[in-house]
């Protein structure tokens, strides 16, 4: 069975939760306050089995005060269900949620026009025209637009068919990638302990597996797994998953952490990115403070623009984000930025380097590196990542902490690059990767230092290996020193 996750999007009181309940029979408003007030405050969840595909729904709040909760739910979904009420049409959070979906690179979806039992047919057609205007030129151009009523049931079967057809057509998430489960909820169950939930965005997770929570570096053991309330021994990418963790307390876990494989990934506080500003935003000044959203995490960040002092509305630029606290990101991940105050969505983009050196924003080489990471093919990006990294030599596992690829796939890529002399792969328990130019420079400097030592110390036999290492190779892995000799 295929597993797909769908997220609702739209303005407050446009009937997102009622629609999810009409589709699934499950009320996604789980909080008592939500049920009393009749509005969604935090994320809600439901599921629908359609024979050969299982749909997991993430229902998000529509109120502007809770957009940060919406952002925690929309990451890692397969497509969006944009909800527009027939009695109000396009509203501010309709546009903001739609902008967020575009900035995150969501590539498909469906539009539901709700509450059609409350208006005349002419109004439904008017709303349809307004929907067509807003989605023109976007990923939703040409998407199904289905009028529905959660109250009478009209259009619900047609919407289910549309969801089913689209779910079958979206790409299956790769189960062979390394595990990433961004946590959107954490709680305790008496007799079981800490439970975390999230959308499994890549890889798989198994019962009794050892995992790590990043940022934080906590290790835990998977005591149990549930998918949509059913106990499982294993969950795969694309499933809404609850994981019972042994070895961590609830006080240690929070929304924004990621459950992943241990001893592979490193948190970071510096990111090189391609940043796009919304056309509706104000010009963005250099070094301005923003709210950075990635996965289920929100942190404060400063935007250091590369080679320019400001970014105009609707324009893109390369930038370095300097974060107030650590995050776990990979190359190619999408993110959102919101204005510090008032908190409105102003832009987003793609992470190019998850752990770069802190560099001067006027350096010409920095711009060339980021252009390469933005435009090159994956094999071509690997030498560029080495150039941009804070360390001159990195291990294969350190490279994978930037990319998150299956180990054998990465080994094959690096082996081919070594054959074509685009990098040097130095044998070690975990192979060391360096650029060929670094090896040439080190060899030349080694000969120079040996010659200088003999000229300055003619009565001595020669420079010791340890002295030579301290002069030239300090800070580099010992395997690089041995390789150059």
Foldseek 3Di string as FASTA:
>chain_A
DAFFEEEEFEAWPLCQQLLVCLQAVDRQQPDPVCVVVVFRQAWGWGWDDDPVYIYIYIYGGRDPVRVLRVLLAPPLGQEYEYGAELVPAHDDRSLQRVQVCQLQPRQAYAYEHEPPVVDDPVSVVVSVVVVCVSCPPHSCNVHYYFYAYSVPGPRSVVVVVSVVVVSVVTDGAEQLFWWKFQFSDWDQDPPQAIKTKGQTNYHKDFAQAWKAKPPPGFIWGFHWKDFNRHTDGMDGHNTTMMTRTHDDHSVSDDGQIIITHPPQADWAQKFKWKKFWALPDAKAFAQAKWWKFFNSDIWIWTWHFAQDGIHHHGDIGITMIGTPDTHQDAFFGKMWIFHPPPTGTTIIGTTQWRAFDDDDSDDPVVRVLSVCSVDPDPLSNQLSNCVGHPAQKDFLSNSCNHHRGNSVVSVVSVVVCVVVQQWPFQDDPGTMIHGPVVLVVLLVVLVVVFVVCCVVCVPDPTDDLVVSCVVRVPPHPVSSSVVSD
